[in-house]
Amino acid sequence: MANRSPASTRNGRAPKIALVLAGGAARGAYEVGVVQHILEEVSRDLGREVPLDILCGTSVGAINVCGLA
């Protein structure tokens, strides 16, 4: 089995975190609530804000990530 180590130890840098959202009107409304909840919970667990390095989306997903930028 290959020896796996976290990306941060392989290249000396922390891994990038990306958020990709899909299109679709109703899905976009759903995604807003889900993303908000996930970011709140993860931030609470980490004790700091979640660093989102890459934000992208299609259609309403692109509009939603503009709100996060």
PDB file of N, CA and C in Angstrom:
ATOM      1  N   MET A   1       0.834  -1.159   0.000  1.00  0.00           N
ATOM      2  CA  MET A   1       0.000   0.000   0.000  1.00  0.00           C
ATOM      3  C   MET A   1       0.892   1.239   0.000  1.00  0.00           C
ATOM      4  N   ALA A   2       0.487   2.263  -0.742  1.00  0.00           N
ATOM      5  CA  ALA A   2       1.268   3.496  -0.839  1.00  0.00           C
ATOM      6  C   ALA A   2       1.240   4.248   0.480  1.00  0.00           C
ATOM      7  N   ASN A   3       2.331   4.913   0.771  1.00  0.00           N
ATOM      8  CA  ASN A   3       2.419   5.747   1.964  1.00  0.00           C
ATOM      9  C   ASN A   3       1.755   7.080   1.655  1.00  0.00           C
ATOM     10  N   ARG A   4       0.639   7.347   2.307  1.00  0.00           N
ATOM     11  CA  ARG A   4      -0.084   8.588   2.051  1.00  0.00           C
ATOM     12  C   ARG A   4       0.142   9.560   3.193  1.00  0.00           C
ATOM     13  N   SER A   5       0.458  10.780   2.839  1.00  0.00           N
ATOM     14  CA  SER A   5       0.607  11.828   3.832  1.00  0.00           C
ATOM     15  C   SER A   5      -0.249  13.009   3.399  1.00  0.00           C
ATOM     16  N   PRO A   6      -0.647  13.851   4.343  1.00  0.00           N
ATOM     17  CA  PRO A   6      -1.465  15.010   3.971  1.00  0.00           C
ATOM     18  C   PRO A   6      -0.747  15.878   2.943  1.00  0.00           C
ATOM     19  N   ALA A   7      -1.516  16.533   2.104  1.00  0.00           N
ATOM     20  CA  ALA A   7      -0.934  17.375   1.059  1.00  0.00           C
ATOM     21  C   ALA A   7      -0.023  18.442   1.640  1.00  0.00           C
ATOM     22  N   SER A   8      -0.354  18.948   2.822  1.00  0.00           N
ATOM     23  CA  SER A   8       0.456  20.014   3.407  1.00  0.00           C
ATOM     24  C   SER A   8       1.864  19.537   3.748  1.00  0.00           C
ATOM     25  N   THR A   9       2.042  18.256   4.016  1.00  0.00           N
ATOM     26  CA  THR A   9       3.385  17.760   4.318  1.00  0.00           C
ATOM     27  C   THR A   9       4.119  17.325   3.059  1.00  0.00           C
ATOM     28  N   ARG A  10       3.402  17.052   1.988  1.00  0.00           N
ATOM     29  CA  ARG A  10       4.060  16.648   0.744  1.00  0.00           C
ATOM     30  C   ARG A  10       4.753  17.822   0.067  1.00  0.00           C
ATOM     31  N   ASN A  11       4.097  18.984   0.054  1.00  0.00           N
ATOM     32  CA  ASN A  11       4.691  20.110  -0.665  1.00  0.00           C
ATOM     33  C   ASN A  11       4.937  21.325   0.224  1.00  0.00           C
ATOM     34  N   GLY A  12       4.717  21.194   1.514  1.00  0.00           N
ATOM     35  CA  GLY A  12       4.985  22.285   2.442  1.00  0.00           C
ATOM     36  C   GLY A  12       3.916  23.355   2.488  1.00  0.00           C
ATOM     37  N   ARG A  13       2.831  23.191   1.727  1.00  0.00           N
ATOM     38  CA  ARG A  13       1.750  24.185   1.704  1.00  0.00           C
ATOM     39  C   ARG A  13       0.437  23.522   2.076  1.00  0.00           C
ATOM     40  N   ALA A  14      -0.453  24.322   2.631  1.00  0.00           N
ATOM     41  CA  ALA A  14      -1.789  23.817   2.952  1.00  0.00           C
ATOM     42  C   ALA A  14      -2.561  23.595   1.652  1.00  0.00           C
ATOM     43  N   PRO A  15      -3.421  22.586   1.608  1.00  0.00           N
ATOM     44  CA  PRO A  15      -4.212  22.355   0.399  1.00  0.00           C
ATOM     45  C   PRO A  15      -5.222  23.475   0.183  1.00  0.00           C
ATOM     46  N   LYS A  16      -5.576  23.717  -1.063  1.00  0.00           N
ATOM     47  CA  LYS A  16      -6.592  24.713  -1.410  1.00  0.00           C
ATOM     48  C   LYS A  16      -7.968  24.111  -1.169  1.00  0.00           C
ATOM     49  N   ILE A  17      -8.909  24.947  -0.768  1.00  0.00           N
ATOM     50  CA  ILE A  17     -10.285  24.512  -0.558  1.00  0.00           C
ATOM     51  C   ILE A  17     -11.153  25.190  -1.606  1.00  0.00           C
ATOM     52  N   ALA A  18     -11.900  24.390  -2.363  1.00  0.00           N
ATOM     53  CA  ALA A  18     -12.756  24.913  -3.425  1.00  0.00           C
ATOM     54  C   ALA A  18     -14.215  24.638  -3.097  1.00  0.00           C
ATOM     55  N   LEU A  19     -15.081  25.549  -3.530  1.00  0.00           N
ATOM     56  CA  LEU A  19     -16.522  25.361  -3.428  1.00  0.00           C
ATOM     57  C   LEU A  19     -17.081  25.517  -4.831  1.00  0.00           C
ATOM     58  N   VAL A  20     -17.754  24.481  -5.317  1.00  0.00           N
ATOM     59  CA  VAL A  20     -18.325  24.478  -6.658  1.00  0.00           C
ATOM     60  C   VAL A  20     -19.826  24.286  -6.517  1.00  0.00           C
ATOM     61  N   LEU A  21     -20.603  25.226  -7.062  1.00  0.00           N
ATOM     62  CA  LEU A  21     -22.058  25.152  -6.971  1.00  0.00           C
ATOM     63  C   LEU A  21     -22.663  24.978  -8.356  1.00  0.00           C
ATOM     64  N   ALA A  22     -23.750  24.229  -8.412  1.00  0.00           N
ATOM     65  CA  ALA A  22     -24.409  23.904  -9.675  1.00  0.00           C
ATOM     66  C   ALA A  22     -25.485  24.927 -10.025  1.00  0.00           C
ATOM     67  N   GLY A  23     -25.974  24.811 -11.237  1.00  0.00           N
ATOM     68  CA  GLY A  23     -27.080  25.640 -11.691  1.00  0.00           C
ATOM     69  C   GLY A  23     -28.412  24.968 -11.405  1.00  0.00           C
ATOM     70  N   GLY A  24     -29.479  25.687 -11.681  1.00  0.00           N
ATOM     71  CA  GLY A  24     -30.829  25.181 -11.440  1.00  0.00           C
ATOM     72  C   GLY A  24     -31.502  26.019 -10.376  1.00  0.00           C
ATOM     73  N   ALA A  25     -32.572  26.700 -10.733  1.00  0.00           N
ATOM     74  CA  ALA A  25     -33.191  27.696  -9.852  1.00  0.00           C
ATOM     75  C   ALA A  25     -33.500  27.164  -8.456  1.00  0.00           C
ATOM     76  N   ALA A  26     -34.246  26.089  -8.359  1.00  0.00           N
ATOM     77  CA  ALA A  26     -34.606  25.549  -7.041  1.00  0.00           C
ATOM     78  C   ALA A  26     -33.382  25.009  -6.318  1.00  0.00           C
ATOM     79  N   ARG A  27     -32.484  24.405  -7.041  1.00  0.00           N
ATOM     80  CA  ARG A  27     -31.256  23.884  -6.441  1.00  0.00           C
ATOM     81  C   ARG A  27     -30.439  25.027  -5.852  1.00  0.00           C
ATOM     82  N   GLY A  28     -30.428  26.170  -6.513  1.00  0.00           N
ATOM     83  CA  GLY A  28     -29.688  27.328  -6.018  1.00  0.00           C
ATOM     84  C   GLY A  28     -30.202  27.802  -4.677  1.00  0.00           C
ATOM     85  N   ALA A  29     -31.515  27.821  -4.513  1.00  0.00           N
ATOM     86  CA  ALA A  29     -32.092  28.222  -3.230  1.00  0.00           C
ATOM     87  C   ALA A  29     -31.729  27.214  -2.149  1.00  0.00           C
ATOM     88  N   TYR A  30     -31.742  25.955  -2.489  1.00  0.00           N
ATOM     89  CA  TYR A  30     -31.376  24.893  -1.552  1.00  0.00           C
ATOM     90  C   TYR A  30     -29.908  25.006  -1.161  1.00  0.00           C
ATOM     91  N   GLU A  31     -29.049  25.230  -2.161  1.00  0.00           N
ATOM     92  CA  GLU A  31     -27.610  25.290  -1.902  1.00  0.00           C
ATOM     93  C   GLU A  31     -27.235  26.409  -0.941  1.00  0.00           C
ATOM     94  N   VAL A  32     -27.927  27.533  -1.017  1.00  0.00           N
ATOM     95  CA  VAL A  32     -27.621  28.656  -0.123  1.00  0.00           C
ATOM     96  C   VAL A  32     -27.729  28.218   1.330  1.00  0.00           C
ATOM     97  N   GLY A  33     -28.808  27.551   1.675  1.00  0.00           N
ATOM     98  CA  GLY A  33     -29.000  27.089   3.048  1.00  0.00           C
ATOM     99  C   GLY A  33     -27.999  26.028   3.457  1.00  0.00           C
ATOM    100  N   VAL A  34     -27.721  25.107   2.562  1.00  0.00           N
ATOM    101  CA  VAL A  34     -26.772  24.028   2.867  1.00  0.00           C
ATOM    102  C   VAL A  34     -25.367  24.585   3.065  1.00  0.00           C
ATOM    103  N   VAL A  35     -24.932  25.450   2.171  1.00  0.00           N
ATOM    104  CA  VAL A  35     -23.588  26.034   2.282  1.00  0.00           C
ATOM    105  C   VAL A  35     -23.473  26.855   3.557  1.00  0.00           C
ATOM    106  N   GLN A  36     -24.489  27.642   3.854  1.00  0.00           N
ATOM    107  CA  GLN A  36     -24.471  28.451   5.077  1.00  0.00           C
ATOM    108  C   GLN A  36     -24.330  27.553   6.306  1.00  0.00           C
ATOM    109  N   HIS A  37     -25.102  26.496   6.366  1.00  0.00           N
ATOM    110  CA  HIS A  37     -25.046  25.582   7.511  1.00  0.00           C
ATOM    111  C   HIS A  37     -23.676  24.900   7.615  1.00  0.00           C
ATOM    112  N   ILE A  38     -23.174  24.407   6.499  1.00  0.00           N
ATOM    113  CA  ILE A  38     -21.875  23.726   6.510  1.00  0.00           C
ATOM    114  C   ILE A  38     -20.773  24.677   6.972  1.00  0.00           C
ATOM    115  N   LEU A  39     -20.748  25.885   6.419  1.00  0.00           N
ATOM    116  CA  LEU A  39     -19.700  26.839   6.799  1.00  0.00           C
ATOM    117  C   LEU A  39     -19.792  27.215   8.274  1.00  0.00           C
ATOM    118  N   GLU A  40     -21.011  27.378   8.793  1.00  0.00           N
ATOM    119  CA  GLU A  40     -21.173  27.694  10.215  1.00  0.00           C
ATOM    120  C   GLU A  40     -20.686  26.550  11.095  1.00  0.00           C
ATOM    121  N   GLU A  41     -21.059  25.325  10.750  1.00  0.00           N
ATOM    122  CA  GLU A  41     -20.668  24.169  11.563  1.00  0.00           C
ATOM    123  C   GLU A  41     -19.161  23.920  11.515  1.00  0.00           C
ATOM    124  N   VAL A  42     -18.585  23.983  10.329  1.00  0.00           N
ATOM    125  CA  VAL A  42     -17.151  23.745  10.196  1.00  0.00           C
ATOM    126  C   VAL A  42     -16.371  24.857  10.890  1.00  0.00           C
ATOM    127  N   SER A  43     -16.816  26.095  10.740  1.00  0.00           N
ATOM    128  CA  SER A  43     -16.151  27.214  11.418  1.00  0.00           C
ATOM    129  C   SER A  43     -16.202  27.038  12.923  1.00  0.00           C
ATOM    130  N   ARG A  44     -17.332  26.598  13.429  1.00  0.00           N
ATOM    131  CA  ARG A  44     -17.472  26.375  14.870  1.00  0.00           C
ATOM    132  C   ARG A  44     -16.530  25.263  15.329  1.00  0.00           C
ATOM    133  N   ASP A  45     -16.447  24.192  14.559  1.00  0.00           N
ATOM    134  CA  ASP A  45     -15.561  23.074  14.915  1.00  0.00           C
ATOM    135  C   ASP A  45     -14.087  23.468  14.857  1.00  0.00           C
ATOM    136  N   LEU A  46     -13.723  24.270  13.854  1.00  0.00           N
ATOM    137  CA  LEU A  46     -12.329  24.682  13.699  1.00  0.00           C
ATOM    138  C   LEU A  46     -11.952  25.821  14.641  1.00  0.00           C
ATOM    139  N   GLY A  47     -12.952  26.576  15.074  1.00  0.00           N
ATOM    140  CA  GLY A  47     -12.684  27.746  15.900  1.00  0.00           C
ATOM    141  C   GLY A  47     -12.217  28.940  15.093  1.00  0.00           C
ATOM    142  N   ARG A  48     -12.435  28.891  13.795  1.00  0.00           N
ATOM    143  CA  ARG A  48     -12.067  30.000  12.911  1.00  0.00           C
ATOM    144  C   ARG A  48     -12.875  29.889  11.622  1.00  0.00           C
ATOM    145  N   GLU A  49     -12.843  30.948  10.831  1.00  0.00           N
ATOM    146  CA  GLU A  49     -13.556  30.957   9.564  1.00  0.00           C
ATOM    147  C   GLU A  49     -12.919  29.974   8.580  1.00  0.00           C
ATOM    148  N   VAL A  50     -13.744  29.343   7.764  1.00  0.00           N
ATOM    149  CA  VAL A  50     -13.249  28.396   6.760  1.00  0.00           C
ATOM    150  C   VAL A  50     -12.673  29.187   5.582  1.00  0.00           C
ATOM    151  N   PRO A  51     -11.412  28.940   5.228  1.00  0.00           N
ATOM    152  CA  PRO A  51     -10.829  29.664   4.091  1.00  0.00           C
ATOM    153  C   PRO A  51     -11.247  29.016   2.769  1.00  0.00           C
ATOM    154  N   LEU A  52     -12.071  29.696   1.998  1.00  0.00           N
ATOM    155  CA  LEU A  52     -12.460  29.190   0.683  1.00  0.00           C
ATOM    156  C   LEU A  52     -11.549  29.852  -0.343  1.00  0.00           C
ATOM    157  N   ASP A  53     -10.646  29.076  -0.912  1.00  0.00           N
ATOM    158  CA  ASP A  53      -9.653  29.608  -1.842  1.00  0.00           C
ATOM    159  C   ASP A  53     -10.191  29.754  -3.257  1.00  0.00           C
ATOM    160  N   ILE A  54     -11.069  28.848  -3.652  1.00  0.00           N
ATOM    161  CA  ILE A  54     -11.593  28.843  -5.016  1.00  0.00           C
ATOM    162  C   ILE A  54     -13.110  28.757  -4.935  1.00  0.00           C
ATOM    163  N   LEU A  55     -13.792  29.700  -5.581  1.00  0.00           N
ATOM    164  CA  LEU A  55     -15.252  29.711  -5.642  1.00  0.00           C
ATOM    165  C   LEU A  55     -15.660  29.707  -7.109  1.00  0.00           C
ATOM    166  N   CYS A  56     -16.535  28.776  -7.487  1.00  0.00           N
ATOM    167  CA  CYS A  56     -17.031  28.790  -8.857  1.00  0.00           C
ATOM    168  C   CYS A  56     -18.418  28.170  -8.901  1.00  0.00           C
ATOM    169  N   GLY A  57     -19.149  28.519  -9.934  1.00  0.00           N
ATOM    170  CA  GLY A  57     -20.494  27.992 -10.076  1.00  0.00           C
ATOM    171  C   GLY A  57     -21.016  28.232 -11.476  1.00  0.00           C
ATOM    172  N   THR A  58     -22.118  27.574 -11.771  1.00  0.00           N
ATOM    173  CA  THR A  58     -22.790  27.703 -13.052  1.00  0.00           C
ATOM    174  C   THR A  58     -24.177  28.259 -12.807  1.00  0.00           C
ATOM    175  N   SER A  59     -24.593  29.221 -13.625  1.00  0.00           N
ATOM    176  CA  SER A  59     -25.931  29.785 -13.552  1.00  0.00           C
ATOM    177  C   SER A  59     -26.186  30.348 -12.157  1.00  0.00           C
ATOM    178  N   VAL A  60     -27.209  29.875 -11.475  1.00  0.00           N
ATOM    179  CA  VAL A  60     -27.509  30.405 -10.142  1.00  0.00           C
ATOM    180  C   VAL A  60     -26.393  30.082  -9.151  1.00  0.00           C
ATOM    181  N   GLY A  61     -25.647  29.033  -9.383  1.00  0.00           N
ATOM    182  CA  GLY A  61     -24.498  28.725  -8.539  1.00  0.00           C
ATOM    183  C   GLY A  61     -23.448  29.820  -8.614  1.00  0.00           C
ATOM    184  N   ALA A  62     -23.263  30.410  -9.798  1.00  0.00           N
ATOM    185  CA  ALA A  62     -22.322  31.523  -9.955  1.00  0.00           C
ATOM    186  C   ALA A  62     -22.812  32.748  -9.194  1.00  0.00           C
ATOM    187  N   ILE A  63     -24.106  32.987  -9.210  1.00  0.00           N
ATOM    188  CA  ILE A  63     -24.674  34.108  -8.450  1.00  0.00           C
ATOM    189  C   ILE A  63     -24.473  33.872  -6.961  1.00  0.00           C
ATOM    190  N   ASN A  64     -24.694  32.658  -6.515  1.00  0.00           N
ATOM    191  CA  ASN A  64     -24.527  32.344  -5.092  1.00  0.00           C
ATOM    192  C   ASN A  64     -23.085  32.511  -4.630  1.00  0.00           C
ATOM    193  N   VAL A  65     -22.117  32.083  -5.425  1.00  0.00           N
ATOM    194  CA  VAL A  65     -20.727  32.238  -4.990  1.00  0.00           C
ATOM    195  C   VAL A  65     -20.300  33.695  -5.002  1.00  0.00           C
ATOM    196  N   CYS A  66     -20.941  34.517  -5.818  1.00  0.00           N
ATOM    197  CA  CYS A  66     -20.655  35.963  -5.769  1.00  0.00           C
ATOM    198  C   CYS A  66     -21.008  36.515  -4.394  1.00  0.00           C
ATOM    199  N   GLY A  67     -22.052  35.993  -3.793  1.00  0.00           N
ATOM    200  CA  GLY A  67     -22.430  36.419  -2.446  1.00  0.00           C
ATOM    201  C   GLY A  67     -21.431  35.986  -1.391  1.00  0.00           C
ATOM    202  N   LEU A  68     -20.701  34.925  -1.652  1.00  0.00           N
ATOM    203  CA  LEU A  68     -19.694  34.435  -0.706  1.00  0.00           C
ATOM    204  C   LEU A  68     -18.348  35.128  -0.877  1.00  0.00           C
ATOM    205  N   ALA A  69     -18.117  35.680  -2.054  1.00  0.00           N
ATOM    206  CA  ALA A  69     -16.803  36.285  -2.357  1.00  0.00           C
ATOM    207  C   ALA A  69     -16.542  37.534  -1.537  1.00  0.00           C
TER     208      ALA A  69
END
